[in-house]
Amino acid sequence: MPRLAATLNDPRMIRNTAATMALPQLARPEDIANAAVFLSSDALARHITGQVLVIAGGMEGRWLWQPEEIDPAAAL
């Protein structure tokens, strides 16, 4: 994640981003991988067609938390 390195090292940016999410933590690569495994499973996603799966922690684009309430270490 070289393109995000500066952002992920800036506690203020992490707080401001995570404060817009119902689940105040940034997605990890395994979050995306787990969704891909689920969707590719004949057993688990057998009856799912034509859907968009949003993996964004409930990101609203507006503050749901005050940035000061977010622990940057816990949000990563």
Protein backbone atom coordinates (compact mmCIF):
# COMPACT_ATOMS: atom_id res chain seq x y z
CA MET A 1 0.00 0.00 0.00
CA PRO A 2 2.70 2.53 -0.91
CA ARG A 3 0.15 5.03 -2.24
CA LEU A 4 -1.58 5.11 1.16
CA ALA A 5 1.53 5.07 3.35
CA ALA A 6 1.46 8.79 4.17
CA THR A 7 -2.27 8.70 4.98
CA LEU A 8 -1.98 5.58 7.13
CA ASN A 9 0.81 7.22 9.12
CA ASP A 10 -1.25 10.35 9.82
CA PRO A 11 -3.46 9.89 12.92
CA ARG A 12 -5.54 12.96 11.98
CA MET A 13 -6.42 11.50 8.57
CA ILE A 14 -7.29 8.14 10.11
CA ARG A 15 -9.55 9.82 12.70
CA ASN A 16 -11.30 11.96 10.09
CA THR A 17 -11.89 9.03 7.75
CA ALA A 18 -12.99 6.54 10.42
CA ALA A 19 -15.33 9.15 11.96
CA THR A 20 -17.51 8.85 8.82
CA MET A 21 -18.05 5.11 9.30
CA ALA A 22 -20.65 3.27 11.38
CA LEU A 23 -17.91 0.72 12.06
CA PRO A 24 -15.05 3.12 12.76
CA GLN A 25 -12.16 1.18 11.27
CA LEU A 26 -10.49 1.11 7.90
CA ALA A 27 -10.92 -1.92 5.69
CA ARG A 28 -8.08 -4.41 5.60
CA PRO A 29 -7.12 -6.53 2.58
CA GLU A 30 -8.61 -9.59 4.30
CA ASP A 31 -12.00 -7.83 4.51
CA ILE A 32 -12.08 -7.68 0.72
CA ALA A 33 -10.70 -11.22 0.41
CA ASN A 34 -13.39 -12.61 2.73
CA ALA A 35 -16.11 -11.02 0.61
CA ALA A 36 -14.55 -12.46 -2.57
CA VAL A 37 -14.42 -15.94 -1.02
CA PHE A 38 -18.04 -15.62 0.10
CA LEU A 39 -19.23 -14.54 -3.35
CA SER A 40 -17.26 -17.26 -5.11
CA SER A 41 -18.68 -19.99 -2.89
CA ASP A 42 -21.32 -22.20 -4.50
CA ALA A 43 -22.62 -23.08 -1.04
CA LEU A 44 -22.66 -19.67 0.64
CA ALA A 45 -23.63 -17.39 -2.23
CA ARG A 46 -25.58 -19.89 -4.30
CA HIS A 47 -28.64 -17.69 -4.77
CA ILE A 48 -26.97 -14.28 -5.09
CA THR A 49 -27.04 -12.65 -8.51
CA GLY A 50 -26.48 -9.15 -9.84
CA GLN A 51 -25.71 -7.44 -6.55
CA VAL A 52 -23.20 -4.81 -5.55
CA LEU A 53 -21.50 -5.64 -2.28
CA VAL A 54 -20.28 -2.48 -0.58
CA ILE A 55 -17.41 -3.12 1.81
CA ALA A 56 -17.06 0.28 3.41
CA GLY A 57 -17.79 -0.15 7.12
CA GLY A 58 -20.99 1.84 6.74
CA MET A 59 -19.20 4.92 5.38
CA GLU A 60 -21.70 7.76 5.19
CA GLY A 61 -19.56 10.64 3.94
CA ARG A 62 -20.56 12.60 7.03
CA TRP A 63 -19.27 12.41 10.57
CA LEU A 64 -21.01 9.77 12.67
CA TRP A 65 -18.40 10.14 15.41
CA GLN A 66 -16.31 13.03 16.59
CA PRO A 67 -12.76 12.48 15.29
CA GLU A 68 -11.43 12.78 18.85
CA GLU A 69 -13.45 9.66 19.75
CA ILE A 70 -11.49 7.53 17.28
CA ASP A 71 -8.35 5.71 18.37
CA PRO A 72 -6.18 5.71 15.23
CA ALA A 73 -4.43 2.48 16.30
CA ALA A 74 -7.77 0.68 16.69
CA ALA A 75 -9.03 2.00 13.35
CA LEU A 76 -6.26 0.28 11.39
